[in-house]
Amino acid sequence: MSEPKSLDLPIDRLKRKLASEKKIDAVMKFFYDNFVDAPGFLDAGHAVKAPKYLEECIGHVAMAIWKGAPVMVEYRLIEIPLLQLVHGAVTLNGKQATVVWLTDMTAGVISIAQNTFTGEMLYARLTVTPVNPGAPN
């Protein structure tokens, strides 16, 4: 399957929301409302290992949630190179989570299901300032 040359998706609006939106859940809602079901979006991606900076961010979030205890992390991620975006499922000690990571910004958002019966979610903004700009993230 060949990668499309363009996707008509509001990636710049997603980036602005990620950078400035005070309600982090609104960033995730915007992503789901505007990207996930968009024609060609899922076809433009391929499975990928977690980028180094994303793994580091999620590791810090997990350590904060579980107060430094070891955390089992599993990733099922898709990269959309055309958008410089990685998204997908993450499991943290058995809790389901969803992540959106913008590789060019080294930033993203994660939503973690705290209680599947009540729908309680924990959201975190993920941001890295690379020591070596331009290195793979």
N, C-alpha and C. Protein backbone atom coordinates (compact mmCIF):
# COMPACT_ATOMS: atom_id res chain seq x y z
N MET A 1 0.85 -1.17 0.00
CA MET A 1 0.00 0.00 0.00
C MET A 1 0.89 1.23 0.00
N SER A 2 0.64 2.16 -0.90
CA SER A 2 1.46 3.36 -0.97
C SER A 2 0.91 4.45 -0.07
N GLU A 3 1.83 5.25 0.44
CA GLU A 3 1.46 6.34 1.35
C GLU A 3 0.85 7.48 0.53
N PRO A 4 -0.27 8.07 1.00
CA PRO A 4 -0.86 9.19 0.26
C PRO A 4 0.08 10.39 0.28
N LYS A 5 -0.03 11.24 -0.73
CA LYS A 5 0.82 12.42 -0.82
C LYS A 5 0.35 13.54 0.11
N SER A 6 -0.94 13.54 0.45
CA SER A 6 -1.45 14.55 1.38
C SER A 6 -2.71 14.04 2.05
N LEU A 7 -2.98 14.61 3.20
CA LEU A 7 -4.21 14.33 3.93
C LEU A 7 -4.80 15.68 4.30
N ASP A 8 -6.07 15.85 3.99
CA ASP A 8 -6.72 17.12 4.28
C ASP A 8 -7.26 17.09 5.71
N LEU A 9 -6.34 17.22 6.67
CA LEU A 9 -6.70 17.17 8.08
C LEU A 9 -6.16 18.40 8.80
N PRO A 10 -6.84 18.84 9.85
CA PRO A 10 -6.46 20.07 10.55
C PRO A 10 -5.29 19.87 11.53
N ILE A 11 -4.13 19.44 11.00
CA ILE A 11 -2.98 19.15 11.86
C ILE A 11 -2.47 20.42 12.55
N ASP A 12 -2.52 21.56 11.88
CA ASP A 12 -2.06 22.80 12.51
C ASP A 12 -2.96 23.20 13.68
N ARG A 13 -4.26 22.97 13.55
CA ARG A 13 -5.18 23.25 14.67
C ARG A 13 -4.91 22.31 15.83
N LEU A 14 -4.62 21.03 15.53
CA LEU A 14 -4.28 20.08 16.59
C LEU A 14 -3.03 20.54 17.32
N LYS A 15 -2.03 20.98 16.59
CA LYS A 15 -0.79 21.47 17.20
C LYS A 15 -1.05 22.68 18.10
N ARG A 16 -1.86 23.62 17.60
CA ARG A 16 -2.19 24.81 18.42
C ARG A 16 -2.93 24.40 19.69
N LYS A 17 -3.88 23.49 19.56
CA LYS A 17 -4.62 23.03 20.74
C LYS A 17 -3.68 22.33 21.72
N LEU A 18 -2.80 21.51 21.21
CA LEU A 18 -1.86 20.81 22.08
C LEU A 18 -0.98 21.80 22.84
N ALA A 19 -0.58 22.86 22.17
CA ALA A 19 0.30 23.85 22.79
C ALA A 19 -0.41 24.79 23.75
N SER A 20 -1.71 25.05 23.52
CA SER A 20 -2.34 26.12 24.31
C SER A 20 -3.64 25.78 25.03
N GLU A 21 -4.29 24.69 24.67
CA GLU A 21 -5.58 24.35 25.28
C GLU A 21 -5.40 24.03 26.76
N LYS A 22 -6.17 24.70 27.59
CA LYS A 22 -6.09 24.45 29.04
C LYS A 22 -6.73 23.12 29.44
N LYS A 23 -7.82 22.75 28.76
CA LYS A 23 -8.50 21.48 29.06
C LYS A 23 -7.92 20.41 28.14
N ILE A 24 -7.06 19.57 28.71
CA ILE A 24 -6.35 18.57 27.90
C ILE A 24 -7.32 17.59 27.24
N ASP A 25 -8.43 17.28 27.90
CA ASP A 25 -9.40 16.36 27.29
C ASP A 25 -9.94 16.92 25.98
N ALA A 26 -9.95 18.25 25.82
CA ALA A 26 -10.43 18.86 24.58
C ALA A 26 -9.48 18.56 23.42
N VAL A 27 -8.20 18.40 23.70
CA VAL A 27 -7.23 18.05 22.67
C VAL A 27 -7.54 16.64 22.15
N MET A 28 -7.76 15.72 23.07
CA MET A 28 -8.06 14.34 22.68
C MET A 28 -9.39 14.28 21.92
N LYS A 29 -10.39 15.02 22.38
CA LYS A 29 -11.69 15.04 21.70
C LYS A 29 -11.53 15.58 20.27
N PHE A 30 -10.75 16.65 20.12
CA PHE A 30 -10.50 17.22 18.79
C PHE A 30 -9.85 16.18 17.88
N PHE A 31 -8.88 15.46 18.41
CA PHE A 31 -8.21 14.42 17.62
C PHE A 31 -9.23 13.37 17.16
N TYR A 32 -10.03 12.86 18.07
CA TYR A 32 -11.01 11.83 17.70
C TYR A 32 -12.05 12.38 16.73
N ASP A 33 -12.52 13.58 16.96
CA ASP A 33 -13.56 14.16 16.10
C ASP A 33 -13.07 14.47 14.69
N ASN A 34 -11.79 14.78 14.53
CA ASN A 34 -11.30 15.28 13.25
C ASN A 34 -10.31 14.38 12.52
N PHE A 35 -9.77 13.37 13.18
CA PHE A 35 -8.74 12.56 12.55
C PHE A 35 -9.12 11.09 12.40
N VAL A 36 -9.52 10.46 13.46
CA VAL A 36 -9.65 9.00 13.52
C VAL A 36 -10.52 8.43 12.40
N ASP A 37 -11.66 9.02 12.14
CA ASP A 37 -12.56 8.49 11.11
C ASP A 37 -12.40 9.18 9.75
N ALA A 38 -11.42 10.07 9.63
CA ALA A 38 -11.22 10.80 8.37
C ALA A 38 -10.76 9.84 7.27
N PRO A 39 -11.29 10.02 6.07
CA PRO A 39 -10.89 9.14 4.96
C PRO A 39 -9.38 9.17 4.75
N GLY A 40 -8.78 8.00 4.68
CA GLY A 40 -7.37 7.88 4.40
C GLY A 40 -6.46 7.97 5.61
N PHE A 41 -6.99 8.38 6.77
CA PHE A 41 -6.12 8.58 7.93
C PHE A 41 -5.46 7.28 8.37
N LEU A 42 -6.24 6.26 8.66
CA LEU A 42 -5.65 5.01 9.13
C LEU A 42 -4.83 4.32 8.04
N ASP A 43 -5.23 4.47 6.79
CA ASP A 43 -4.49 3.86 5.69
C ASP A 43 -3.12 4.51 5.50
N ALA A 44 -2.96 5.73 5.98
CA ALA A 44 -1.69 6.46 5.80
C ALA A 44 -0.64 6.05 6.82
N GLY A 45 -1.01 5.17 7.76
CA GLY A 45 -0.10 4.83 8.84
C GLY A 45 0.46 3.43 8.76
N HIS A 46 1.43 3.20 9.64
CA HIS A 46 2.02 1.87 9.78
C HIS A 46 2.44 1.69 11.24
N ALA A 47 2.51 0.43 11.64
CA ALA A 47 2.91 0.12 13.02
C ALA A 47 4.33 0.62 13.27
N VAL A 48 4.56 1.09 14.49
CA VAL A 48 5.86 1.65 14.83
C VAL A 48 6.17 1.39 16.31
N LYS A 49 7.45 1.29 16.63
CA LYS A 49 7.86 1.23 18.03
C LYS A 49 7.71 2.62 18.61
N ALA A 50 7.58 2.69 19.92
CA ALA A 50 7.43 3.98 20.58
C ALA A 50 8.68 4.83 20.39
N PRO A 51 8.52 6.08 19.94
CA PRO A 51 9.68 6.97 19.85
C PRO A 51 10.31 7.16 21.24
N LYS A 52 11.62 7.34 21.27
CA LYS A 52 12.38 7.44 22.52
C LYS A 52 11.80 8.48 23.48
N TYR A 53 11.53 9.68 22.99
CA TYR A 53 11.03 10.74 23.87
C TYR A 53 9.63 10.43 24.40
N LEU A 54 8.82 9.79 23.59
CA LEU A 54 7.49 9.40 24.05
C LEU A 54 7.60 8.39 25.18
N GLU A 55 8.47 7.40 25.01
CA GLU A 55 8.68 6.41 26.07
C GLU A 55 9.12 7.09 27.36
N GLU A 56 10.02 8.05 27.25
CA GLU A 56 10.50 8.76 28.45
C GLU A 56 9.37 9.51 29.14
N CYS A 57 8.56 10.22 28.36
CA CYS A 57 7.43 10.97 28.93
C CYS A 57 6.46 10.04 29.64
N ILE A 58 6.08 8.96 28.97
CA ILE A 58 5.12 8.04 29.55
C ILE A 58 5.71 7.39 30.80
N GLY A 59 7.00 7.11 30.78
CA GLY A 59 7.66 6.58 31.97
C GLY A 59 7.55 7.52 33.15
N HIS A 60 7.74 8.82 32.92
CA HIS A 60 7.63 9.81 34.00
C HIS A 60 6.19 9.91 34.51
N VAL A 61 5.24 9.89 33.59
CA VAL A 61 3.82 9.95 34.00
C VAL A 61 3.49 8.72 34.85
N ALA A 62 3.92 7.54 34.38
CA ALA A 62 3.63 6.30 35.11
C ALA A 62 4.27 6.32 36.50
N MET A 63 5.50 6.80 36.60
CA MET A 63 6.17 6.88 37.91
C MET A 63 5.41 7.81 38.85
N ALA A 64 4.86 8.89 38.31
CA ALA A 64 4.09 9.82 39.15
C ALA A 64 2.79 9.17 39.63
N ILE A 65 2.12 8.45 38.74
CA ILE A 65 0.84 7.81 39.09
C ILE A 65 1.07 6.70 40.11
N TRP A 66 2.07 5.85 39.86
CA TRP A 66 2.31 4.70 40.73
C TRP A 66 3.43 4.98 41.75
N LYS A 67 3.73 6.23 41.96
CA LYS A 67 4.66 6.69 43.01
C LYS A 67 6.00 5.94 42.98
N GLY A 68 6.57 5.82 41.77
CA GLY A 68 7.89 5.25 41.62
C GLY A 68 7.94 3.73 41.54
N ALA A 69 6.81 3.06 41.75
CA ALA A 69 6.79 1.59 41.65
C ALA A 69 6.99 1.17 40.19
N PRO A 70 7.52 -0.02 39.96
CA PRO A 70 7.69 -0.49 38.57
C PRO A 70 6.35 -0.53 37.83
N VAL A 71 6.39 -0.17 36.57
CA VAL A 71 5.18 -0.12 35.75
C VAL A 71 5.42 -0.92 34.48
N MET A 72 4.49 -1.82 34.18
CA MET A 72 4.53 -2.59 32.94
C MET A 72 3.86 -1.74 31.86
N VAL A 73 4.59 -1.45 30.79
CA VAL A 73 4.07 -0.60 29.71
C VAL A 73 4.11 -1.40 28.41
N GLU A 74 2.98 -1.40 27.72
CA GLU A 74 2.88 -2.03 26.40
C GLU A 74 2.35 -1.00 25.42
N TYR A 75 2.92 -1.00 24.20
CA TYR A 75 2.52 -0.04 23.16
C TYR A 75 1.97 -0.75 21.95
N ARG A 76 0.94 -0.17 21.33
CA ARG A 76 0.43 -0.57 20.03
C ARG A 76 0.19 0.74 19.28
N LEU A 77 1.21 1.17 18.56
CA LEU A 77 1.21 2.51 17.98
C LEU A 77 1.24 2.48 16.46
N ILE A 78 0.68 3.54 15.89
CA ILE A 78 0.67 3.75 14.44
C ILE A 78 1.29 5.11 14.19
N GLU A 79 2.19 5.16 13.21
CA GLU A 79 2.79 6.42 12.80
C GLU A 79 2.18 6.86 11.48
N ILE A 80 1.85 8.14 11.41
CA ILE A 80 1.39 8.76 10.16
C ILE A 80 2.51 9.72 9.77
N PRO A 81 3.51 9.27 9.00
CA PRO A 81 4.67 10.11 8.70
C PRO A 81 4.31 11.43 8.04
N LEU A 82 3.31 11.42 7.18
CA LEU A 82 2.90 12.62 6.48
C LEU A 82 2.50 13.74 7.44
N LEU A 83 1.97 13.37 8.61
CA LEU A 83 1.53 14.35 9.60
C LEU A 83 2.52 14.50 10.76
N GLN A 84 3.58 13.72 10.75
CA GLN A 84 4.54 13.68 11.85
C GLN A 84 3.80 13.39 13.16
N LEU A 85 2.97 12.35 13.12
CA LEU A 85 2.08 12.02 14.22
C LEU A 85 2.17 10.52 14.52
N VAL A 86 2.20 10.20 15.81
CA VAL A 86 2.12 8.82 16.28
C VAL A 86 0.93 8.75 17.22
N HIS A 87 0.11 7.73 17.08
CA HIS A 87 -1.03 7.58 17.99
C HIS A 87 -1.29 6.11 18.22
N GLY A 88 -2.04 5.83 19.27
CA GLY A 88 -2.41 4.45 19.49
C GLY A 88 -2.69 4.13 20.94
N ALA A 89 -2.65 2.84 21.20
CA ALA A 89 -3.00 2.32 22.53
C ALA A 89 -1.75 2.07 23.35
N VAL A 90 -1.88 2.35 24.63
CA VAL A 90 -0.83 2.07 25.60
C VAL A 90 -1.51 1.39 26.78
N THR A 91 -0.86 0.38 27.33
CA THR A 91 -1.36 -0.25 28.54
C THR A 91 -0.34 -0.01 29.64
N LEU A 92 -0.81 0.57 30.76
CA LEU A 92 0.05 0.89 31.90
C LEU A 92 -0.45 0.09 33.10
N ASN A 93 0.30 -0.93 33.50
CA ASN A 93 -0.13 -1.80 34.61
C ASN A 93 -1.57 -2.26 34.44
N GLY A 94 -1.92 -2.62 33.22
CA GLY A 94 -3.26 -3.13 32.94
C GLY A 94 -4.30 -2.07 32.67
N LYS A 95 -3.98 -0.80 32.88
CA LYS A 95 -4.93 0.29 32.59
C LYS A 95 -4.77 0.71 31.13
N GLN A 96 -5.91 0.82 30.44
CA GLN A 96 -5.90 1.20 29.03
C GLN A 96 -5.69 2.71 28.90
N ALA A 97 -4.90 3.08 27.91
CA ALA A 97 -4.62 4.49 27.65
C ALA A 97 -4.54 4.71 26.15
N THR A 98 -4.69 5.96 25.76
CA THR A 98 -4.55 6.37 24.37
C THR A 98 -3.58 7.53 24.33
N VAL A 99 -2.70 7.52 23.33
CA VAL A 99 -1.71 8.58 23.21
C VAL A 99 -1.74 9.18 21.81
N VAL A 100 -1.50 10.49 21.76
CA VAL A 100 -1.29 11.21 20.51
C VAL A 100 0.04 11.94 20.70
N TRP A 101 0.98 11.73 19.80
CA TRP A 101 2.33 12.30 19.91
C TRP A 101 2.69 12.95 18.58
N LEU A 102 3.08 14.21 18.63
CA LEU A 102 3.51 14.94 17.44
C LEU A 102 5.03 14.97 17.44
N THR A 103 5.63 14.22 16.53
CA THR A 103 7.08 14.04 16.57
C THR A 103 7.84 15.34 16.32
N ASP A 104 7.32 16.22 15.49
CA ASP A 104 8.03 17.46 15.22
C ASP A 104 7.98 18.44 16.40
N MET A 105 7.01 18.28 17.27
CA MET A 105 6.90 19.13 18.46
C MET A 105 7.50 18.46 19.70
N THR A 106 7.81 17.17 19.61
CA THR A 106 8.17 16.33 20.77
C THR A 106 7.20 16.63 21.91
N ALA A 107 5.92 16.52 21.57
CA ALA A 107 4.85 16.79 22.53
C ALA A 107 3.63 15.96 22.17
N GLY A 108 2.79 15.74 23.17
CA GLY A 108 1.58 14.97 22.94
C GLY A 108 0.67 15.01 24.14
N VAL A 109 -0.29 14.10 24.12
CA VAL A 109 -1.25 13.98 25.21
C VAL A 109 -1.57 12.50 25.40
N ILE A 110 -1.82 12.12 26.65
CA ILE A 110 -2.21 10.74 26.95
C ILE A 110 -3.47 10.79 27.81
N SER A 111 -4.39 9.88 27.52
CA SER A 111 -5.58 9.71 28.37
C SER A 111 -5.52 8.30 28.93
N ILE A 112 -5.68 8.19 30.24
CA ILE A 112 -5.58 6.90 30.92
C ILE A 112 -6.90 6.60 31.62
N ALA A 113 -7.49 5.45 31.32
CA ALA A 113 -8.75 5.06 31.96
C ALA A 113 -8.47 4.72 33.42
N GLN A 114 -9.06 5.48 34.32
CA GLN A 114 -8.88 5.24 35.75
C GLN A 114 -9.93 4.29 36.28
N ASN A 115 -11.15 4.40 35.76
CA ASN A 115 -12.25 3.55 36.20
C ASN A 115 -13.15 3.29 35.00
N THR A 116 -13.12 2.09 34.48
CA THR A 116 -13.90 1.78 33.27
C THR A 116 -15.40 1.79 33.53
N PHE A 117 -15.81 1.63 34.78
CA PHE A 117 -17.25 1.62 35.10
C PHE A 117 -17.82 3.03 35.14
N THR A 118 -17.03 3.99 35.65
CA THR A 118 -17.52 5.37 35.77
C THR A 118 -17.07 6.25 34.61
N GLY A 119 -16.11 5.78 33.83
CA GLY A 119 -15.59 6.58 32.73
C GLY A 119 -14.56 7.60 33.18
N GLU A 120 -14.13 7.51 34.43
CA GLU A 120 -13.13 8.46 34.94
C GLU A 120 -11.83 8.31 34.16
N MET A 121 -11.31 9.45 33.69
CA MET A 121 -10.09 9.46 32.89
C MET A 121 -9.06 10.39 33.54
N LEU A 122 -7.82 10.07 33.35
CA LEU A 122 -6.71 10.92 33.76
C LEU A 122 -6.03 11.38 32.48
N TYR A 123 -5.81 12.68 32.34
CA TYR A 123 -5.16 13.23 31.15
C TYR A 123 -3.85 13.86 31.55
N ALA A 124 -2.86 13.74 30.66
CA ALA A 124 -1.57 14.38 30.90
C ALA A 124 -1.03 14.92 29.58
N ARG A 125 -0.49 16.10 29.64
CA ARG A 125 0.21 16.69 28.49
C ARG A 125 1.65 16.20 28.57
N LEU A 126 2.19 15.80 27.44
CA LEU A 126 3.55 15.27 27.37
C LEU A 126 4.41 16.24 26.57
N THR A 127 5.52 16.68 27.13
CA THR A 127 6.39 17.63 26.44
C THR A 127 7.85 17.32 26.76
N VAL A 128 8.69 17.38 25.74
CA VAL A 128 10.12 17.16 25.91
C VAL A 128 10.86 18.30 25.23
N THR A 129 11.90 18.79 25.87
CA THR A 129 12.82 19.72 25.24
C THR A 129 14.10 18.94 24.98
N PRO A 130 14.33 18.56 23.72
CA PRO A 130 15.50 17.74 23.42
C PRO A 130 16.81 18.46 23.73
N VAL A 131 17.76 17.72 24.30
CA VAL A 131 19.08 18.25 24.57
C VAL A 131 19.83 18.41 23.25
N ASN A 132 19.56 17.49 22.31
CA ASN A 132 20.22 17.50 21.02
C ASN A 132 19.16 17.71 19.94
N PRO A 133 18.77 18.99 19.67
CA PRO A 133 17.75 19.23 18.65
C PRO A 133 18.13 18.61 17.32
N GLY A 134 17.16 18.05 16.66
CA GLY A 134 17.39 17.41 15.38
C GLY A 134 17.62 15.91 15.47
N ALA A 135 17.86 15.41 16.69
CA ALA A 135 18.05 13.97 16.87
C ALA A 135 16.70 13.28 16.73
N PRO A 136 16.67 12.01 16.34
CA PRO A 136 15.38 11.29 16.21
C PRO A 136 14.63 11.30 17.54
N ASN A 137 13.32 11.49 17.45
CA ASN A 137 12.52 11.55 18.68
C ASN A 137 11.41 10.54 18.65
